[in-house]
């Protein structure tokens, strides 16, 4: 029976590995950004993505995004290829 070797990655190492895999899968350079707060630029980015990808009734209103700014456990990931 072959034993699997367990590797414990740091967050930075795991992030870099995920970027490499996504770059390979998506056939283009991919950068992952992780945020723990919503600034004005990020709110605009979210709204741009939602405008392109979601019907109007499924989009967050600007006030909803701003209200989520103060909530704990907010995790945002932005994938760009």
N, C-alpha and C. Protein backbone atom coordinates (compact mmCIF):
# COMPACT_ATOMS: atom_id res chain seq x y z
N UNK A 1 0.84 -1.18 0.00
CA UNK A 1 0.00 0.00 0.00
C UNK A 1 0.89 1.25 0.00
N UNK A 2 0.60 2.13 -0.93
CA UNK A 2 1.41 3.34 -1.05
C UNK A 2 0.82 4.44 -0.18
N UNK A 3 1.66 5.11 0.61
CA UNK A 3 1.20 6.18 1.46
C UNK A 3 1.22 7.50 0.70
N UNK A 4 0.17 8.32 0.93
CA UNK A 4 0.15 9.65 0.34
C UNK A 4 0.95 10.58 1.23
N UNK A 5 1.73 11.40 0.62
CA UNK A 5 2.51 12.38 1.36
C UNK A 5 1.67 13.63 1.56
N UNK A 6 1.51 14.05 2.80
CA UNK A 6 0.74 15.26 3.07
C UNK A 6 1.67 16.46 3.08
N UNK A 7 1.21 17.51 2.44
CA UNK A 7 1.97 18.75 2.42
C UNK A 7 1.10 19.85 2.97
N UNK A 8 1.64 20.63 3.86
CA UNK A 8 0.91 21.74 4.44
C UNK A 8 1.47 23.03 3.82
N UNK A 9 0.64 23.68 3.02
CA UNK A 9 1.07 24.90 2.35
C UNK A 9 0.71 26.13 3.18
N UNK A 10 1.53 27.15 3.08
CA UNK A 10 1.14 28.43 3.66
C UNK A 10 0.09 29.03 2.74
N UNK A 11 -0.59 30.06 3.20
CA UNK A 11 -1.60 30.70 2.36
C UNK A 11 -0.99 31.22 1.08
N UNK A 12 0.17 31.85 1.17
CA UNK A 12 0.84 32.41 -0.01
C UNK A 12 1.20 31.30 -1.00
N UNK A 13 1.72 30.20 -0.49
CA UNK A 13 2.08 29.07 -1.36
C UNK A 13 0.83 28.49 -2.05
N UNK A 14 -0.25 28.34 -1.29
CA UNK A 14 -1.49 27.81 -1.85
C UNK A 14 -2.04 28.76 -2.91
N UNK A 15 -1.96 30.05 -2.66
CA UNK A 15 -2.42 31.05 -3.61
C UNK A 15 -1.61 30.99 -4.90
N UNK A 16 -0.30 30.90 -4.77
CA UNK A 16 0.57 30.80 -5.95
C UNK A 16 0.28 29.52 -6.75
N UNK A 17 0.07 28.43 -6.05
CA UNK A 17 -0.24 27.16 -6.73
C UNK A 17 -1.58 27.25 -7.47
N UNK A 18 -2.57 27.86 -6.83
CA UNK A 18 -3.87 28.03 -7.48
C UNK A 18 -3.75 28.91 -8.72
N UNK A 19 -2.96 29.97 -8.65
CA UNK A 19 -2.74 30.83 -9.82
C UNK A 19 -2.09 30.05 -10.97
N UNK A 20 -1.12 29.21 -10.63
CA UNK A 20 -0.46 28.40 -11.66
C UNK A 20 -1.45 27.46 -12.34
N UNK A 21 -2.26 26.80 -11.52
CA UNK A 21 -3.24 25.85 -12.07
C UNK A 21 -4.28 26.55 -12.93
N UNK A 22 -4.80 27.67 -12.44
CA UNK A 22 -5.80 28.42 -13.22
C UNK A 22 -5.20 28.96 -14.51
N UNK A 23 -3.95 29.41 -14.44
CA UNK A 23 -3.27 29.89 -15.65
C UNK A 23 -3.20 28.79 -16.69
N UNK A 24 -2.86 27.61 -16.24
CA UNK A 24 -2.76 26.47 -17.16
C UNK A 24 -4.15 26.09 -17.72
N UNK A 25 -5.14 26.00 -16.86
CA UNK A 25 -6.48 25.59 -17.26
C UNK A 25 -7.14 26.63 -18.17
N UNK A 26 -6.94 27.90 -17.87
CA UNK A 26 -7.59 28.97 -18.64
C UNK A 26 -6.76 29.45 -19.82
N UNK A 27 -5.58 28.86 -20.01
CA UNK A 27 -4.70 29.23 -21.12
C UNK A 27 -4.35 30.71 -21.15
N UNK A 28 -4.09 31.27 -20.01
CA UNK A 28 -3.70 32.67 -19.92
C UNK A 28 -3.29 33.01 -18.51
N UNK A 29 -2.49 34.01 -18.35
CA UNK A 29 -2.01 34.40 -17.03
C UNK A 29 -3.17 34.76 -16.13
N UNK A 30 -3.19 34.19 -14.95
CA UNK A 30 -4.28 34.40 -14.01
C UNK A 30 -3.70 34.92 -12.70
N UNK A 31 -4.32 35.94 -12.16
CA UNK A 31 -3.90 36.52 -10.89
C UNK A 31 -5.09 36.49 -9.95
N UNK A 32 -4.88 35.97 -8.74
CA UNK A 32 -5.94 35.91 -7.73
C UNK A 32 -5.66 36.98 -6.69
N UNK A 33 -6.67 37.76 -6.39
CA UNK A 33 -6.55 38.75 -5.33
C UNK A 33 -7.60 38.43 -4.28
N UNK A 34 -7.21 38.50 -3.03
CA UNK A 34 -8.13 38.24 -1.93
C UNK A 34 -8.22 39.51 -1.09
N UNK A 35 -9.44 39.93 -0.84
CA UNK A 35 -9.67 41.17 -0.11
C UNK A 35 -10.33 40.88 1.23
N UNK A 36 -10.09 41.73 2.19
CA UNK A 36 -10.81 41.63 3.46
C UNK A 36 -11.59 42.91 3.75
N UNK A 37 -11.66 43.79 2.76
CA UNK A 37 -12.42 45.03 2.90
C UNK A 37 -12.86 45.48 1.50
N UNK A 38 -13.94 46.19 1.45
CA UNK A 38 -14.43 46.74 0.19
C UNK A 38 -14.06 48.22 0.10
N UNK A 39 -13.22 48.56 -0.84
CA UNK A 39 -12.95 49.97 -1.09
C UNK A 39 -13.74 50.39 -2.33
N UNK A 40 -13.68 51.66 -2.67
CA UNK A 40 -14.45 52.18 -3.79
C UNK A 40 -14.11 51.49 -5.10
N UNK A 41 -12.84 51.24 -5.34
CA UNK A 41 -12.41 50.59 -6.58
C UNK A 41 -12.98 49.17 -6.68
N UNK A 42 -12.97 48.44 -5.58
CA UNK A 42 -13.49 47.08 -5.59
C UNK A 42 -15.00 47.06 -5.79
N UNK A 43 -15.71 47.98 -5.18
CA UNK A 43 -17.16 48.07 -5.39
C UNK A 43 -17.46 48.29 -6.87
N UNK A 44 -16.71 49.18 -7.52
CA UNK A 44 -16.89 49.42 -8.95
C UNK A 44 -16.58 48.17 -9.77
N UNK A 45 -15.53 47.44 -9.40
CA UNK A 45 -15.18 46.20 -10.10
C UNK A 45 -16.30 45.17 -9.97
N UNK A 46 -16.83 45.02 -8.77
CA UNK A 46 -17.93 44.07 -8.55
C UNK A 46 -19.13 44.45 -9.41
N UNK A 47 -19.44 45.75 -9.44
CA UNK A 47 -20.59 46.19 -10.24
C UNK A 47 -20.36 45.98 -11.73
N UNK A 48 -19.15 46.16 -12.19
CA UNK A 48 -18.84 45.92 -13.61
C UNK A 48 -19.04 44.44 -13.96
N UNK A 49 -18.53 43.56 -13.10
CA UNK A 49 -18.68 42.12 -13.33
C UNK A 49 -20.15 41.73 -13.30
N UNK A 50 -20.88 42.22 -12.32
CA UNK A 50 -22.30 41.89 -12.22
C UNK A 50 -23.08 42.40 -13.42
N UNK A 51 -22.74 43.59 -13.89
CA UNK A 51 -23.45 44.16 -15.05
C UNK A 51 -23.26 43.28 -16.28
N UNK A 52 -22.08 42.71 -16.40
CA UNK A 52 -21.79 41.87 -17.56
C UNK A 52 -22.34 40.45 -17.41
N UNK A 53 -22.32 39.91 -16.19
CA UNK A 53 -22.60 38.48 -16.00
C UNK A 53 -23.98 38.15 -15.41
N UNK A 54 -24.65 39.12 -14.80
CA UNK A 54 -25.91 38.82 -14.10
C UNK A 54 -27.06 39.68 -14.60
N UNK A 55 -28.24 39.10 -14.57
CA UNK A 55 -29.44 39.89 -14.88
C UNK A 55 -29.63 40.92 -13.78
N UNK A 56 -30.30 42.00 -14.11
CA UNK A 56 -30.46 43.12 -13.19
C UNK A 56 -31.02 42.70 -11.84
N UNK A 57 -31.98 41.79 -11.84
CA UNK A 57 -32.62 41.40 -10.57
C UNK A 57 -31.70 40.60 -9.65
N UNK A 58 -30.58 40.11 -10.16
CA UNK A 58 -29.63 39.36 -9.34
C UNK A 58 -28.42 40.17 -8.91
N UNK A 59 -28.36 41.42 -9.30
CA UNK A 59 -27.21 42.26 -8.96
C UNK A 59 -27.40 42.92 -7.60
N UNK A 60 -26.27 43.13 -6.91
CA UNK A 60 -26.31 43.88 -5.66
C UNK A 60 -26.47 45.36 -5.95
N UNK A 61 -27.26 46.02 -5.13
CA UNK A 61 -27.31 47.47 -5.19
C UNK A 61 -26.05 48.00 -4.51
N UNK A 62 -25.65 49.19 -4.90
CA UNK A 62 -24.45 49.81 -4.31
C UNK A 62 -24.54 49.86 -2.78
N UNK A 63 -25.73 50.23 -2.26
CA UNK A 63 -25.92 50.31 -0.81
C UNK A 63 -25.77 48.95 -0.14
N UNK A 64 -26.19 47.89 -0.83
CA UNK A 64 -26.03 46.54 -0.28
C UNK A 64 -24.55 46.17 -0.17
N UNK A 65 -23.78 46.52 -1.18
CA UNK A 65 -22.34 46.24 -1.14
C UNK A 65 -21.68 47.02 -0.01
N UNK A 66 -22.05 48.28 0.12
CA UNK A 66 -21.47 49.11 1.18
C UNK A 66 -21.84 48.58 2.56
N UNK A 67 -23.08 48.11 2.72
CA UNK A 67 -23.50 47.58 4.03
C UNK A 67 -22.74 46.30 4.38
N UNK A 68 -22.34 45.53 3.37
CA UNK A 68 -21.58 44.29 3.61
C UNK A 68 -20.14 44.59 4.01
N UNK A 69 -19.71 45.78 3.79
CA UNK A 69 -18.35 46.22 4.14
C UNK A 69 -18.04 45.95 5.61
N UNK A 70 -19.03 46.13 6.44
CA UNK A 70 -18.82 46.05 7.90
C UNK A 70 -19.06 44.65 8.46
N UNK A 71 -19.52 43.72 7.64
CA UNK A 71 -19.83 42.39 8.15
C UNK A 71 -18.58 41.53 8.27
N UNK A 72 -18.51 40.79 9.35
CA UNK A 72 -17.42 39.84 9.53
C UNK A 72 -17.63 38.66 8.59
N UNK A 73 -16.56 37.95 8.33
CA UNK A 73 -16.57 36.75 7.48
C UNK A 73 -16.83 37.06 6.01
N UNK A 74 -16.60 38.29 5.62
CA UNK A 74 -16.73 38.65 4.21
C UNK A 74 -15.44 38.26 3.51
N UNK A 75 -15.54 37.44 2.52
CA UNK A 75 -14.37 37.01 1.77
C UNK A 75 -14.65 37.20 0.29
N UNK A 76 -13.82 37.97 -0.36
CA UNK A 76 -13.98 38.23 -1.79
C UNK A 76 -12.76 37.74 -2.53
N UNK A 77 -13.00 37.09 -3.61
CA UNK A 77 -11.90 36.64 -4.46
C UNK A 77 -12.13 37.16 -5.85
N UNK A 78 -11.10 37.68 -6.45
CA UNK A 78 -11.20 38.26 -7.77
C UNK A 78 -10.23 37.51 -8.67
N UNK A 79 -10.75 36.84 -9.69
CA UNK A 79 -9.92 36.08 -10.62
C UNK A 79 -9.86 36.83 -11.93
N UNK A 80 -8.69 37.12 -12.39
CA UNK A 80 -8.53 37.81 -13.67
C UNK A 80 -7.60 37.00 -14.55
N UNK A 81 -8.02 36.75 -15.75
CA UNK A 81 -7.17 36.04 -16.70
C UNK A 81 -6.74 37.00 -17.79
